[in-house]
Amino acid sequence: MAGFSSIVYRGGSPRFLGISVARFIDWMPTFAIWGVTLTVGGSFFLEPIPIFRRDVLANIPILGAKYAVMASEESE
């Protein structure tokens, strides 16, 4: 029952696992920056894989044309 008590609202701000909504909102920019950084880093790491180029990078709206040409040259 001790774990459940951290979820129950007891006045003040509601908390989930000891983290209040206000505290979570304060951390949102940091989470967003880490998410974007990991996504871009993962894309650079996976770029040499042909299936990743064809299925993911070729479908990016602005940069996809470059990868679509690269993918078609690899298949020939």
N, C-alpha and C. Protein backbone atom coordinates (compact mmCIF):
# COMPACT_ATOMS: atom_id res chain seq x y z
N MET A 1 0.82 -1.19 0.00
CA MET A 1 0.00 0.00 0.00
C MET A 1 0.86 1.26 0.00
N ALA A 2 2.12 1.15 0.37
CA ALA A 2 2.99 2.32 0.41
C ALA A 2 3.22 2.90 -0.98
N GLY A 3 3.34 2.03 -2.00
CA GLY A 3 3.55 2.50 -3.36
C GLY A 3 2.34 3.24 -3.90
N PHE A 4 1.15 2.78 -3.51
CA PHE A 4 -0.07 3.42 -3.98
C PHE A 4 -0.29 4.78 -3.35
N SER A 5 0.23 5.00 -2.17
CA SER A 5 0.01 6.28 -1.49
C SER A 5 0.69 7.44 -2.21
N SER A 6 1.69 7.15 -3.05
CA SER A 6 2.34 8.24 -3.77
C SER A 6 1.47 8.73 -4.93
N ILE A 7 0.47 7.95 -5.32
CA ILE A 7 -0.39 8.33 -6.43
C ILE A 7 -1.61 9.11 -5.93
N VAL A 8 -2.04 8.89 -4.71
CA VAL A 8 -3.27 9.47 -4.18
C VAL A 8 -3.09 10.97 -3.97
N TYR A 9 -4.08 11.74 -4.38
CA TYR A 9 -4.09 13.19 -4.22
C TYR A 9 -4.45 13.53 -2.78
N ARG A 10 -3.56 14.25 -2.09
CA ARG A 10 -3.81 14.61 -0.69
C ARG A 10 -3.69 16.10 -0.47
N GLY A 11 -4.22 16.89 -1.34
CA GLY A 11 -4.12 18.33 -1.21
C GLY A 11 -2.81 18.82 -1.81
N GLY A 12 -2.69 20.09 -2.01
CA GLY A 12 -1.51 20.60 -2.68
C GLY A 12 -1.58 20.25 -4.16
N SER A 13 -0.46 19.97 -4.76
CA SER A 13 -0.49 19.60 -6.17
C SER A 13 -0.51 18.08 -6.30
N PRO A 14 -1.22 17.55 -7.29
CA PRO A 14 -1.25 16.11 -7.47
C PRO A 14 0.14 15.59 -7.86
N ARG A 15 0.46 14.39 -7.38
CA ARG A 15 1.77 13.80 -7.65
C ARG A 15 1.59 12.38 -8.18
N PHE A 16 2.55 11.97 -9.00
CA PHE A 16 2.62 10.59 -9.45
C PHE A 16 4.06 10.13 -9.23
N LEU A 17 4.22 9.12 -8.39
CA LEU A 17 5.54 8.61 -8.02
C LEU A 17 6.45 9.72 -7.48
N GLY A 18 5.86 10.65 -6.75
CA GLY A 18 6.62 11.70 -6.11
C GLY A 18 6.94 12.89 -6.99
N ILE A 19 6.47 12.91 -8.22
CA ILE A 19 6.76 14.01 -9.14
C ILE A 19 5.48 14.80 -9.37
N SER A 20 5.52 16.09 -9.07
CA SER A 20 4.34 16.93 -9.26
C SER A 20 4.22 17.37 -10.71
N VAL A 21 3.04 17.82 -11.08
CA VAL A 21 2.80 18.29 -12.44
C VAL A 21 3.68 19.50 -12.74
N ALA A 22 3.80 20.40 -11.79
CA ALA A 22 4.63 21.59 -12.01
C ALA A 22 6.09 21.21 -12.22
N ARG A 23 6.57 20.26 -11.47
CA ARG A 23 7.96 19.81 -11.62
C ARG A 23 8.17 19.15 -12.98
N PHE A 24 7.18 18.37 -13.42
CA PHE A 24 7.26 17.72 -14.73
C PHE A 24 7.27 18.76 -15.84
N ILE A 25 6.45 19.79 -15.73
CA ILE A 25 6.42 20.86 -16.74
C ILE A 25 7.75 21.60 -16.77
N ASP A 26 8.37 21.79 -15.63
CA ASP A 26 9.70 22.43 -15.59
C ASP A 26 10.75 21.62 -16.34
N TRP A 27 10.62 20.30 -16.33
CA TRP A 27 11.59 19.42 -16.98
C TRP A 27 11.27 19.15 -18.45
N MET A 28 10.11 19.54 -18.95
CA MET A 28 9.72 19.24 -20.33
C MET A 28 10.71 19.76 -21.38
N PRO A 29 11.24 20.98 -21.29
CA PRO A 29 12.23 21.41 -22.29
C PRO A 29 13.47 20.52 -22.32
N THR A 30 13.91 20.08 -21.16
CA THR A 30 15.08 19.20 -21.10
C THR A 30 14.77 17.86 -21.76
N PHE A 31 13.59 17.30 -21.47
CA PHE A 31 13.20 16.04 -22.11
C PHE A 31 13.10 16.20 -23.62
N ALA A 32 12.58 17.32 -24.08
CA ALA A 32 12.46 17.56 -25.52
C ALA A 32 13.83 17.65 -26.19
N ILE A 33 14.76 18.36 -25.56
CA ILE A 33 16.11 18.50 -26.13
C ILE A 33 16.80 17.13 -26.19
N TRP A 34 16.70 16.35 -25.13
CA TRP A 34 17.30 15.01 -25.14
C TRP A 34 16.65 14.13 -26.20
N GLY A 35 15.34 14.22 -26.35
CA GLY A 35 14.65 13.41 -27.36
C GLY A 35 15.08 13.75 -28.77
N VAL A 36 15.18 15.03 -29.08
CA VAL A 36 15.62 15.46 -30.41
C VAL A 36 17.07 15.05 -30.64
N THR A 37 17.91 15.23 -29.63
CA THR A 37 19.32 14.86 -29.76
C THR A 37 19.49 13.36 -30.02
N LEU A 38 18.76 12.55 -29.28
CA LEU A 38 18.86 11.10 -29.48
C LEU A 38 18.31 10.68 -30.84
N THR A 39 17.26 11.33 -31.30
CA THR A 39 16.70 11.00 -32.61
C THR A 39 17.66 11.35 -33.73
N VAL A 40 18.24 12.54 -33.68
CA VAL A 40 19.20 12.95 -34.71
C VAL A 40 20.45 12.08 -34.65
N GLY A 41 20.95 11.82 -33.46
CA GLY A 41 22.12 10.96 -33.32
C GLY A 41 21.87 9.55 -33.82
N GLY A 42 20.71 9.02 -33.52
CA GLY A 42 20.35 7.69 -34.01
C GLY A 42 20.24 7.65 -35.52
N SER A 43 19.72 8.73 -36.10
CA SER A 43 19.61 8.80 -37.56
C SER A 43 20.98 8.82 -38.22
N PHE A 44 21.92 9.58 -37.65
CA PHE A 44 23.28 9.59 -38.19
C PHE A 44 23.95 8.22 -38.04
N PHE A 45 23.69 7.56 -36.93
CA PHE A 45 24.28 6.25 -36.69
C PHE A 45 23.71 5.19 -37.64
N LEU A 46 22.41 5.28 -37.94
CA LEU A 46 21.76 4.28 -38.79
C LEU A 46 21.76 4.64 -40.27
N GLU A 47 22.29 5.79 -40.64
CA GLU A 47 22.26 6.24 -42.03
C GLU A 47 22.89 5.26 -43.01
N PRO A 48 23.99 4.60 -42.71
CA PRO A 48 24.60 3.70 -43.70
C PRO A 48 23.76 2.45 -44.02
N ILE A 49 22.76 2.14 -43.23
CA ILE A 49 21.95 0.95 -43.46
C ILE A 49 20.93 1.25 -44.56
N PRO A 50 20.97 0.50 -45.68
CA PRO A 50 20.10 0.80 -46.82
C PRO A 50 18.61 0.79 -46.51
N ILE A 51 18.14 -0.15 -45.70
CA ILE A 51 16.71 -0.21 -45.41
C ILE A 51 16.27 1.02 -44.60
N PHE A 52 17.14 1.53 -43.74
CA PHE A 52 16.83 2.75 -42.98
C PHE A 52 16.77 3.95 -43.92
N ARG A 53 17.69 4.01 -44.87
CA ARG A 53 17.66 5.10 -45.86
C ARG A 53 16.36 5.07 -46.65
N ARG A 54 16.00 3.88 -47.13
CA ARG A 54 14.84 3.76 -48.01
C ARG A 54 13.53 3.98 -47.24
N ASP A 55 13.39 3.39 -46.06
CA ASP A 55 12.12 3.43 -45.35
C ASP A 55 11.93 4.65 -44.47
N VAL A 56 13.01 5.23 -43.96
CA VAL A 56 12.88 6.35 -43.02
C VAL A 56 13.38 7.65 -43.64
N LEU A 57 14.65 7.69 -44.01
CA LEU A 57 15.24 8.95 -44.46
C LEU A 57 14.66 9.43 -45.79
N ALA A 58 14.29 8.53 -46.68
CA ALA A 58 13.72 8.94 -47.96
C ALA A 58 12.32 9.54 -47.80
N ASN A 59 11.69 9.35 -46.65
CA ASN A 59 10.34 9.88 -46.42
C ASN A 59 10.32 11.18 -45.64
N ILE A 60 11.48 11.76 -45.36
CA ILE A 60 11.54 13.07 -44.71
C ILE A 60 11.16 14.12 -45.75
N PRO A 61 10.22 15.03 -45.45
CA PRO A 61 9.69 15.94 -46.47
C PRO A 61 10.72 16.75 -47.26
N ILE A 62 11.68 17.40 -46.63
CA ILE A 62 12.58 18.28 -47.37
C ILE A 62 13.85 17.55 -47.79
N LEU A 63 14.43 16.78 -46.91
CA LEU A 63 15.71 16.11 -47.18
C LEU A 63 15.56 14.75 -47.84
N GLY A 64 14.35 14.25 -47.97
CA GLY A 64 14.13 12.91 -48.47
C GLY A 64 14.55 12.68 -49.90
N ALA A 65 14.54 13.71 -50.75
CA ALA A 65 14.92 13.55 -52.16
C ALA A 65 16.37 13.08 -52.28
N LYS A 66 17.24 13.58 -51.45
CA LYS A 66 18.65 13.18 -51.48
C LYS A 66 18.79 11.69 -51.18
N TYR A 67 18.09 11.22 -50.16
CA TYR A 67 18.19 9.83 -49.76
C TYR A 67 17.45 8.91 -50.73
N ALA A 68 16.41 9.39 -51.39
CA ALA A 68 15.72 8.58 -52.37
C ALA A 68 16.63 8.29 -53.55
N VAL A 69 17.42 9.26 -53.99
CA VAL A 69 18.38 9.07 -55.08
C VAL A 69 19.48 8.11 -54.65
N MET A 70 19.97 8.27 -53.42
CA MET A 70 21.01 7.38 -52.91
C MET A 70 20.51 5.95 -52.81
N ALA A 71 19.27 5.77 -52.39
CA ALA A 71 18.71 4.42 -52.26
C ALA A 71 18.53 3.78 -53.63
N SER A 72 18.13 4.56 -54.65
CA SER A 72 17.94 3.98 -55.98
C SER A 72 19.28 3.62 -56.60
N GLU A 73 20.32 4.39 -56.33
CA GLU A 73 21.66 4.06 -56.84
C GLU A 73 22.20 2.79 -56.20
N GLU A 74 21.89 2.56 -54.95
CA GLU A 74 22.34 1.36 -54.26
C GLU A 74 21.66 0.12 -54.79
N SER A 75 20.40 0.23 -55.20
CA SER A 75 19.68 -0.95 -55.66
C SER A 75 20.09 -1.37 -57.05
N GLU A 76 20.74 -0.50 -57.81
CA GLU A 76 21.15 -0.84 -59.18
C GLU A 76 22.39 -1.68 -59.20
